[in-house]
Amino acid sequence: MEINLSSHFLKRAKRLSAKEKKELSVRTDLFRENPNDPGLKTHALSGKLKSFLSFSINRKKRVKFMWVDKKIALFIDVGPHDEVYR
């Protein structure tokens, strides 16, 4: 599984705390192994965000992504639920 990171994602990831960065790393590894792992709570978004999916880093933080190809994901955004889903 290949994961590409958008410039927006990289900027937002820099704002995460050290603990959240560690959680992101663990969750990204899990995503790479199995994007549909139940622990990630991966789900498709709806409405104006219907082109995207997301998974949980922790109770408050999410990663928004899209599939570029069957084996290539593009991480678009990371942050609090309300900000990522705008």
PDB file of N, CA and C in Angstrom:
ATOM      1  N   MET A   1       0.853  -1.181   0.000  1.00  0.00           N
ATOM      2  CA  MET A   1       0.000   0.000   0.000  1.00  0.00           C
ATOM      3  C   MET A   1       0.897   1.242   0.000  1.00  0.00           C
ATOM      4  N   GLU A   2       0.648   2.102  -0.943  1.00  0.00           N
ATOM      5  CA  GLU A   2       1.387   3.362  -1.022  1.00  0.00           C
ATOM      6  C   GLU A   2       0.522   4.477  -0.444  1.00  0.00           C
ATOM      7  N   ILE A   3       1.147   5.335   0.348  1.00  0.00           N
ATOM      8  CA  ILE A   3       0.443   6.480   0.925  1.00  0.00           C
ATOM      9  C   ILE A   3       1.178   7.746   0.512  1.00  0.00           C
ATOM     10  N   ASN A   4       0.465   8.640  -0.155  1.00  0.00           N
ATOM     11  CA  ASN A   4       1.006   9.951  -0.514  1.00  0.00           C
ATOM     12  C   ASN A   4       0.417  10.990   0.437  1.00  0.00           C
ATOM     13  N   LEU A   5       1.186  12.018   0.719  1.00  0.00           N
ATOM     14  CA  LEU A   5       0.766  13.054   1.663  1.00  0.00           C
ATOM     15  C   LEU A   5       0.664  14.397   0.948  1.00  0.00           C
ATOM     16  N   SER A   6      -0.489  15.041   1.059  1.00  0.00           N
ATOM     17  CA  SER A   6      -0.652  16.367   0.455  1.00  0.00           C
ATOM     18  C   SER A   6       0.119  17.397   1.277  1.00  0.00           C
ATOM     19  N   SER A   7       0.428  18.524   0.671  1.00  0.00           N
ATOM     20  CA  SER A   7       1.134  19.586   1.400  1.00  0.00           C
ATOM     21  C   SER A   7       0.274  20.094   2.558  1.00  0.00           C
ATOM     22  N   HIS A   8      -1.032  20.146   2.356  1.00  0.00           N
ATOM     23  CA  HIS A   8      -1.942  20.572   3.425  1.00  0.00           C
ATOM     24  C   HIS A   8      -1.870  19.595   4.605  1.00  0.00           C
ATOM     25  N   PHE A   9      -1.864  18.305   4.306  1.00  0.00           N
ATOM     26  CA  PHE A   9      -1.754  17.290   5.353  1.00  0.00           C
ATOM     27  C   PHE A   9      -0.459  17.487   6.142  1.00  0.00           C
ATOM     28  N   LEU A  10       0.646  17.691   5.443  1.00  0.00           N
ATOM     29  CA  LEU A  10       1.940  17.853   6.115  1.00  0.00           C
ATOM     30  C   LEU A  10       1.952  19.076   7.036  1.00  0.00           C
ATOM     31  N   LYS A  11       1.375  20.186   6.581  1.00  0.00           N
ATOM     32  CA  LYS A  11       1.302  21.395   7.414  1.00  0.00           C
ATOM     33  C   LYS A  11       0.494  21.137   8.677  1.00  0.00           C
ATOM     34  N   ARG A  12      -0.650  20.465   8.502  1.00  0.00           N
ATOM     35  CA  ARG A  12      -1.531  20.204   9.646  1.00  0.00           C
ATOM     36  C   ARG A  12      -0.909  19.178  10.598  1.00  0.00           C
ATOM     37  N   ALA A  13      -0.182  18.212  10.061  1.00  0.00           N
ATOM     38  CA  ALA A  13       0.446  17.188  10.902  1.00  0.00           C
ATOM     39  C   ALA A  13       1.513  17.806  11.807  1.00  0.00           C
ATOM     40  N   LYS A  14       2.172  18.857  11.334  1.00  0.00           N
ATOM     41  CA  LYS A  14       3.185  19.534  12.153  1.00  0.00           C
ATOM     42  C   LYS A  14       2.581  20.131  13.419  1.00  0.00           C
ATOM     43  N   ARG A  15       1.299  20.460  13.380  1.00  0.00           N
ATOM     44  CA  ARG A  15       0.626  21.081  14.525  1.00  0.00           C
ATOM     45  C   ARG A  15       0.239  20.074  15.613  1.00  0.00           C
ATOM     46  N   LEU A  16       0.310  18.787  15.299  1.00  0.00           N
ATOM     47  CA  LEU A  16      -0.081  17.776  16.281  1.00  0.00           C
ATOM     48  C   LEU A  16       0.926  17.725  17.424  1.00  0.00           C
ATOM     49  N   SER A  17       0.457  17.341  18.590  1.00  0.00           N
ATOM     50  CA  SER A  17       1.353  17.165  19.734  1.00  0.00           C
ATOM     51  C   SER A  17       2.233  15.939  19.490  1.00  0.00           C
ATOM     52  N   ALA A  18       3.280  15.784  20.278  1.00  0.00           N
ATOM     53  CA  ALA A  18       4.174  14.632  20.132  1.00  0.00           C
ATOM     54  C   ALA A  18       3.399  13.324  20.304  1.00  0.00           C
ATOM     55  N   LYS A  19       2.496  13.291  21.266  1.00  0.00           N
ATOM     56  CA  LYS A  19       1.686  12.089  21.503  1.00  0.00           C
ATOM     57  C   LYS A  19       0.804  11.796  20.290  1.00  0.00           C
ATOM     58  N   GLU A  20       0.189  12.828  19.728  1.00  0.00           N
ATOM     59  CA  GLU A  20      -0.679  12.648  18.560  1.00  0.00           C
ATOM     60  C   GLU A  20       0.123  12.221  17.328  1.00  0.00           C
ATOM     61  N   LYS A  21       1.351  12.728  17.202  1.00  0.00           N
ATOM     62  CA  LYS A  21       2.200  12.311  16.085  1.00  0.00           C
ATOM     63  C   LYS A  21       2.530  10.827  16.188  1.00  0.00           C
ATOM     64  N   LYS A  22       2.774  10.357  17.407  1.00  0.00           N
ATOM     65  CA  LYS A  22       3.034   8.933  17.626  1.00  0.00           C
ATOM     66  C   LYS A  22       1.792   8.112  17.275  1.00  0.00           C
ATOM     67  N   GLU A  23       0.617   8.571  17.736  1.00  0.00           N
ATOM     68  CA  GLU A  23      -0.635   7.879  17.407  1.00  0.00           C
ATOM     69  C   GLU A  23      -0.851   7.850  15.896  1.00  0.00           C
ATOM     70  N   LEU A  24      -0.556   8.950  15.220  1.00  0.00           N
ATOM     71  CA  LEU A  24      -0.696   9.018  13.765  1.00  0.00           C
ATOM     72  C   LEU A  24       0.217   7.996  13.096  1.00  0.00           C
ATOM     73  N   SER A  25       1.434   7.883  13.573  1.00  0.00           N
ATOM     74  CA  SER A  25       2.380   6.926  13.010  1.00  0.00           C
ATOM     75  C   SER A  25       1.879   5.488  13.164  1.00  0.00           C
ATOM     76  N   VAL A  26       1.396   5.160  14.353  1.00  0.00           N
ATOM     77  CA  VAL A  26       0.874   3.810  14.616  1.00  0.00           C
ATOM     78  C   VAL A  26      -0.334   3.528  13.731  1.00  0.00           C
ATOM     79  N   ARG A  27      -1.246   4.496  13.639  1.00  0.00           N
ATOM     80  CA  ARG A  27      -2.463   4.316  12.836  1.00  0.00           C
ATOM     81  C   ARG A  27      -2.144   4.245  11.343  1.00  0.00           C
ATOM     82  N   THR A  28      -1.154   5.002  10.893  1.00  0.00           N
ATOM     83  CA  THR A  28      -0.752   4.947   9.487  1.00  0.00           C
ATOM     84  C   THR A  28      -0.188   3.572   9.147  1.00  0.00           C
ATOM     85  N   ASP A  29       0.614   3.006  10.049  1.00  0.00           N
ATOM     86  CA  ASP A  29       1.133   1.652   9.835  1.00  0.00           C
ATOM     87  C   ASP A  29      -0.006   0.642   9.761  1.00  0.00           C
ATOM     88  N   LEU A  30      -0.978   0.783  10.653  1.00  0.00           N
ATOM     89  CA  LEU A  30      -2.141  -0.100  10.651  1.00  0.00           C
ATOM     90  C   LEU A  30      -2.930   0.061   9.346  1.00  0.00           C
ATOM     91  N   PHE A  31      -3.112   1.301   8.910  1.00  0.00           N
ATOM     92  CA  PHE A  31      -3.807   1.588   7.653  1.00  0.00           C
ATOM     93  C   PHE A  31      -3.077   0.935   6.481  1.00  0.00           C
ATOM     94  N   ARG A  32      -1.755   1.028   6.485  1.00  0.00           N
ATOM     95  CA  ARG A  32      -0.953   0.460   5.402  1.00  0.00           C
ATOM     96  C   ARG A  32      -1.158  -1.062   5.323  1.00  0.00           C
ATOM     97  N   GLU A  33      -1.269  -1.713   6.481  1.00  0.00           N
ATOM     98  CA  GLU A  33      -1.483  -3.163   6.528  1.00  0.00           C
ATOM     99  C   GLU A  33      -2.906  -3.541   6.126  1.00  0.00           C
ATOM    100  N   ASN A  34      -3.890  -2.786   6.626  1.00  0.00           N
ATOM    101  CA  ASN A  34      -5.296  -3.094   6.360  1.00  0.00           C
ATOM    102  C   ASN A  34      -6.127  -1.826   6.526  1.00  0.00           C
ATOM    103  N   PRO A  35      -6.447  -1.141   5.430  1.00  0.00           N
ATOM    104  CA  PRO A  35      -7.207   0.110   5.514  1.00  0.00           C
ATOM    105  C   PRO A  35      -8.588  -0.043   6.145  1.00  0.00           C
ATOM    106  N   ASN A  36      -9.098  -1.269   6.171  1.00  0.00           N
ATOM    107  CA  ASN A  36     -10.427  -1.507   6.733  1.00  0.00           C
ATOM    108  C   ASN A  36     -10.381  -2.138   8.115  1.00  0.00           C
ATOM    109  N   ASP A  37      -9.242  -2.047   8.784  1.00  0.00           N
ATOM    110  CA  ASP A  37      -9.142  -2.584  10.139  1.00  0.00           C
ATOM    111  C   ASP A  37     -10.207  -1.922  11.011  1.00  0.00           C
ATOM    112  N   PRO A  38     -10.988  -2.710  11.757  1.00  0.00           N
ATOM    113  CA  PRO A  38     -12.062  -2.131  12.581  1.00  0.00           C
ATOM    114  C   PRO A  38     -11.576  -1.079  13.580  1.00  0.00           C
ATOM    115  N   GLY A  39     -10.341  -1.190  14.033  1.00  0.00           N
ATOM    116  CA  GLY A  39      -9.801  -0.224  14.984  1.00  0.00           C
ATOM    117  C   GLY A  39      -9.646   1.173  14.411  1.00  0.00           C
ATOM    118  N   LEU A  40      -9.554   1.273  13.094  1.00  0.00           N
ATOM    119  CA  LEU A  40      -9.411   2.579  12.445  1.00  0.00           C
ATOM    120  C   LEU A  40     -10.743   3.294  12.269  1.00  0.00           C
ATOM    121  N   LYS A  41     -11.817   2.534  12.268  1.00  0.00           N
ATOM    122  CA  LYS A  41     -13.156   3.087  12.029  1.00  0.00           C
ATOM    123  C   LYS A  41     -13.210   3.842  10.697  1.00  0.00           C
ATOM    124  N   THR A  42     -12.612   3.243   9.671  1.00  0.00           N
ATOM    125  CA  THR A  42     -12.603   3.837   8.336  1.00  0.00           C
ATOM    126  C   THR A  42     -14.022   3.901   7.788  1.00  0.00           C
ATOM    127  N   HIS A  43     -14.382   5.057   7.259  1.00  0.00           N
ATOM    128  CA  HIS A  43     -15.723   5.205   6.692  1.00  0.00           C
ATOM    129  C   HIS A  43     -15.727   6.264   5.587  1.00  0.00           C
ATOM    130  N   ALA A  44     -16.659   6.096   4.658  1.00  0.00           N
ATOM    131  CA  ALA A  44     -16.845   7.063   3.578  1.00  0.00           C
ATOM    132  C   ALA A  44     -17.586   8.272   4.124  1.00  0.00           C
ATOM    133  N   LEU A  45     -17.230   9.437   3.625  1.00  0.00           N
ATOM    134  CA  LEU A  45     -17.917  10.657   4.024  1.00  0.00           C
ATOM    135  C   LEU A  45     -19.085  10.901   3.072  1.00  0.00           C
ATOM    136  N   SER A  46     -19.948  11.811   3.437  1.00  0.00           N
ATOM    137  CA  SER A  46     -21.140  12.061   2.622  1.00  0.00           C
ATOM    138  C   SER A  46     -21.281  13.548   2.314  1.00  0.00           C
ATOM    139  N   GLY A  47     -22.304  13.873   1.551  1.00  0.00           N
ATOM    140  CA  GLY A  47     -22.557  15.269   1.199  1.00  0.00           C
ATOM    141  C   GLY A  47     -21.461  15.827   0.323  1.00  0.00           C
ATOM    142  N   LYS A  48     -21.021  17.044   0.635  1.00  0.00           N
ATOM    143  CA  LYS A  48     -20.000  17.690  -0.191  1.00  0.00           C
ATOM    144  C   LYS A  48     -18.640  17.003  -0.083  1.00  0.00           C
ATOM    145  N   LEU A  49     -18.488  16.110   0.896  1.00  0.00           N
ATOM    146  CA  LEU A  49     -17.229  15.383   1.088  1.00  0.00           C
ATOM    147  C   LEU A  49     -17.313  13.941   0.594  1.00  0.00           C
ATOM    148  N   LYS A  50     -18.279  13.632  -0.252  1.00  0.00           N
ATOM    149  CA  LYS A  50     -18.516  12.242  -0.647  1.00  0.00           C
ATOM    150  C   LYS A  50     -17.365  11.615  -1.433  1.00  0.00           C
ATOM    151  N   SER A  51     -16.420  12.406  -1.898  1.00  0.00           N
ATOM    152  CA  SER A  51     -15.244  11.875  -2.602  1.00  0.00           C
ATOM    153  C   SER A  51     -14.182  11.361  -1.637  1.00  0.00           C
ATOM    154  N   PHE A  52     -14.374  11.609  -0.350  1.00  0.00           N
ATOM    155  CA  PHE A  52     -13.355  11.310   0.647  1.00  0.00           C
ATOM    156  C   PHE A  52     -13.795  10.231   1.627  1.00  0.00           C
ATOM    157  N   LEU A  53     -12.798   9.697   2.325  1.00  0.00           N
ATOM    158  CA  LEU A  53     -13.016   8.770   3.431  1.00  0.00           C
ATOM    159  C   LEU A  53     -12.226   9.305   4.610  1.00  0.00           C
ATOM    160  N   SER A  54     -12.430   8.716   5.774  1.00  0.00           N
ATOM    161  CA  SER A  54     -11.622   9.117   6.919  1.00  0.00           C
ATOM    162  C   SER A  54     -11.430   7.941   7.855  1.00  0.00           C
ATOM    163  N   PHE A  55     -10.412   8.067   8.706  1.00  0.00           N
ATOM    164  CA  PHE A  55     -10.219   7.110   9.786  1.00  0.00           C
ATOM    165  C   PHE A  55      -9.784   7.867  11.031  1.00  0.00           C
ATOM    166  N   SER A  56      -9.954   7.220  12.172  1.00  0.00           N
ATOM    167  CA  SER A  56      -9.681   7.852  13.462  1.00  0.00           C
ATOM    168  C   SER A  56      -8.236   7.639  13.893  1.00  0.00           C
ATOM    169  N   ILE A  57      -7.649   8.701  14.439  1.00  0.00           N
ATOM    170  CA  ILE A  57      -6.352   8.596  15.103  1.00  0.00           C
ATOM    171  C   ILE A  57      -6.600   8.343  16.588  1.00  0.00           C
ATOM    172  N   ASN A  58      -7.524   9.105  17.134  1.00  0.00           N
ATOM    173  CA  ASN A  58      -7.964   8.945  18.523  1.00  0.00           C
ATOM    174  C   ASN A  58      -9.410   9.443  18.586  1.00  0.00           C
ATOM    175  N   ARG A  59      -9.916   9.690  19.759  1.00  0.00           N
ATOM    176  CA  ARG A  59     -11.324  10.098  19.873  1.00  0.00           C
ATOM    177  C   ARG A  59     -11.618  11.433  19.198  1.00  0.00           C
ATOM    178  N   LYS A  60     -10.615  12.312  19.126  1.00  0.00           N
ATOM    179  CA  LYS A  60     -10.857  13.658  18.606  1.00  0.00           C
ATOM    180  C   LYS A  60     -10.262  13.935  17.229  1.00  0.00           C
ATOM    181  N   LYS A  61      -9.230  13.218  16.852  1.00  0.00           N
ATOM    182  CA  LYS A  61      -8.505  13.519  15.605  1.00  0.00           C
ATOM    183  C   LYS A  61      -8.824  12.507  14.510  1.00  0.00           C
ATOM    184  N   ARG A  62      -8.897  13.020  13.271  1.00  0.00           N
ATOM    185  CA  ARG A  62      -9.218  12.210  12.100  1.00  0.00           C
ATOM    186  C   ARG A  62      -8.220  12.481  10.975  1.00  0.00           C
ATOM    187  N   VAL A  63      -8.093  11.503  10.094  1.00  0.00           N
ATOM    188  CA  VAL A  63      -7.353  11.668   8.847  1.00  0.00           C
ATOM    189  C   VAL A  63      -8.365  11.559   7.717  1.00  0.00           C
ATOM    190  N   LYS A  64      -8.393  12.581   6.854  1.00  0.00           N
ATOM    191  CA  LYS A  64      -9.244  12.557   5.664  1.00  0.00           C
ATOM    192  C   LYS A  64      -8.362  12.156   4.490  1.00  0.00           C
ATOM    193  N   PHE A  65      -8.842  11.207   3.687  1.00  0.00           N
ATOM    194  CA  PHE A  65      -8.050  10.732   2.561  1.00  0.00           C
ATOM    195  C   PHE A  65      -8.946  10.369   1.388  1.00  0.00           C
ATOM    196  N   MET A  66      -8.298  10.095   0.262  1.00  0.00           N
ATOM    197  CA  MET A  66      -9.017   9.613  -0.916  1.00  0.00           C
ATOM    198  C   MET A  66      -8.167   8.549  -1.586  1.00  0.00           C
ATOM    199  N   TRP A  67      -8.824   7.676  -2.320  1.00  0.00           N
ATOM    200  CA  TRP A  67      -8.112   6.661  -3.089  1.00  0.00           C
ATOM    201  C   TRP A  67      -7.752   7.246  -4.445  1.00  0.00           C
ATOM    202  N   VAL A  68      -6.459   7.203  -4.775  1.00  0.00           N
ATOM    203  CA  VAL A  68      -5.978   7.635  -6.082  1.00  0.00           C
ATOM    204  C   VAL A  68      -6.038   6.441  -7.035  1.00  0.00           C
ATOM    205  N   ASP A  69      -5.789   5.266  -6.475  1.00  0.00           N
ATOM    206  CA  ASP A  69      -5.807   4.001  -7.193  1.00  0.00           C
ATOM    207  C   ASP A  69      -6.139   2.929  -6.154  1.00  0.00           C
ATOM    208  N   LYS A  70      -6.284   1.691  -6.575  1.00  0.00           N
ATOM    209  CA  LYS A  70      -6.647   0.633  -5.624  1.00  0.00           C
ATOM    210  C   LYS A  70      -5.623   0.463  -4.508  1.00  0.00           C
ATOM    211  N   LYS A  71      -4.370   0.741  -4.797  1.00  0.00           N
ATOM    212  CA  LYS A  71      -3.305   0.557  -3.810  1.00  0.00           C
ATOM    213  C   LYS A  71      -2.607   1.862  -3.429  1.00  0.00           C
ATOM    214  N   ILE A  72      -3.187   3.004  -3.809  1.00  0.00           N
ATOM    215  CA  ILE A  72      -2.573   4.302  -3.504  1.00  0.00           C
ATOM    216  C   ILE A  72      -3.592   5.214  -2.832  1.00  0.00           C
ATOM    217  N   ALA A  73      -3.269   5.629  -1.604  1.00  0.00           N
ATOM    218  CA  ALA A  73      -4.122   6.557  -0.860  1.00  0.00           C
ATOM    219  C   ALA A  73      -3.423   7.909  -0.782  1.00  0.00           C
ATOM    220  N   LEU A  74      -4.203   8.968  -0.853  1.00  0.00           N
ATOM    221  CA  LEU A  74      -3.685  10.324  -0.685  1.00  0.00           C
ATOM    222  C   LEU A  74      -4.290  10.895   0.585  1.00  0.00           C
ATOM    223  N   PHE A  75      -3.437  11.138   1.594  1.00  0.00           N
ATOM    224  CA  PHE A  75      -3.895  11.750   2.834  1.00  0.00           C
ATOM    225  C   PHE A  75      -4.038  13.249   2.585  1.00  0.00           C
ATOM    226  N   ILE A  76      -5.239  13.765   2.816  1.00  0.00           N
ATOM    227  CA  ILE A  76      -5.596  15.147   2.497  1.00  0.00           C
ATOM    228  C   ILE A  76      -5.482  16.068   3.702  1.00  0.00           C
ATOM    229  N   ASP A  77      -5.963  15.603   4.858  1.00  0.00           N
ATOM    230  CA  ASP A  77      -6.045  16.472   6.039  1.00  0.00           C
ATOM    231  C   ASP A  77      -5.960  15.627   7.298  1.00  0.00           C
ATOM    232  N   VAL A  78      -5.539  16.251   8.378  1.00  0.00           N
ATOM    233  CA  VAL A  78      -5.507  15.617   9.693  1.00  0.00           C
ATOM    234  C   VAL A  78      -5.816  16.691  10.720  1.00  0.00           C
ATOM    235  N   GLY A  79      -6.608  16.335  11.718  1.00  0.00           N
ATOM    236  CA  GLY A  79      -6.937  17.299  12.761  1.00  0.00           C
ATOM    237  C   GLY A  79      -8.223  16.939  13.460  1.00  0.00           C
ATOM    238  N   PRO A  80      -8.759  17.888  14.222  1.00  0.00           N
ATOM    239  CA  PRO A  80     -10.013  17.660  14.939  1.00  0.00           C
ATOM    240  C   PRO A  80     -11.161  17.366  13.978  1.00  0.00           C
ATOM    241  N   HIS A  81     -12.064  16.551  14.432  1.00  0.00           N
ATOM    242  CA  HIS A  81     -13.236  16.127  13.660  1.00  0.00           C
ATOM    243  C   HIS A  81     -13.899  17.296  12.935  1.00  0.00           C
ATOM    244  N   ASP A  82     -14.250  18.341  13.656  1.00  0.00           N
ATOM    245  CA  ASP A  82     -14.991  19.463  13.069  1.00  0.00           C
ATOM    246  C   ASP A  82     -14.199  20.210  11.995  1.00  0.00           C
ATOM    247  N   GLU A  83     -12.883  20.271  12.132  1.00  0.00           N
ATOM    248  CA  GLU A  83     -12.065  20.969  11.136  1.00  0.00           C
ATOM    249  C   GLU A  83     -11.834  20.118   9.893  1.00  0.00           C
ATOM    250  N   VAL A  84     -11.612  18.835  10.078  1.00  0.00           N
ATOM    251  CA  VAL A  84     -11.336  17.940   8.953  1.00  0.00           C
ATOM    252  C   VAL A  84     -12.569  17.764   8.080  1.00  0.00           C
ATOM    253  N   TYR A  85     -13.756  17.807   8.691  1.00  0.00           N
ATOM    254  CA  TYR A  85     -14.988  17.552   7.945  1.00  0.00           C
ATOM    255  C   TYR A  85     -15.637  18.818   7.396  1.00  0.00           C
ATOM    256  N   ARG A  86     -14.917  19.925   7.345  1.00  0.00           N
ATOM    257  CA  ARG A  86     -15.468  21.148   6.743  1.00  0.00           C
ATOM    258  C   ARG A  86     -15.445  21.056   5.245  1.00  0.00           C
TER     259      ARG A  86
END
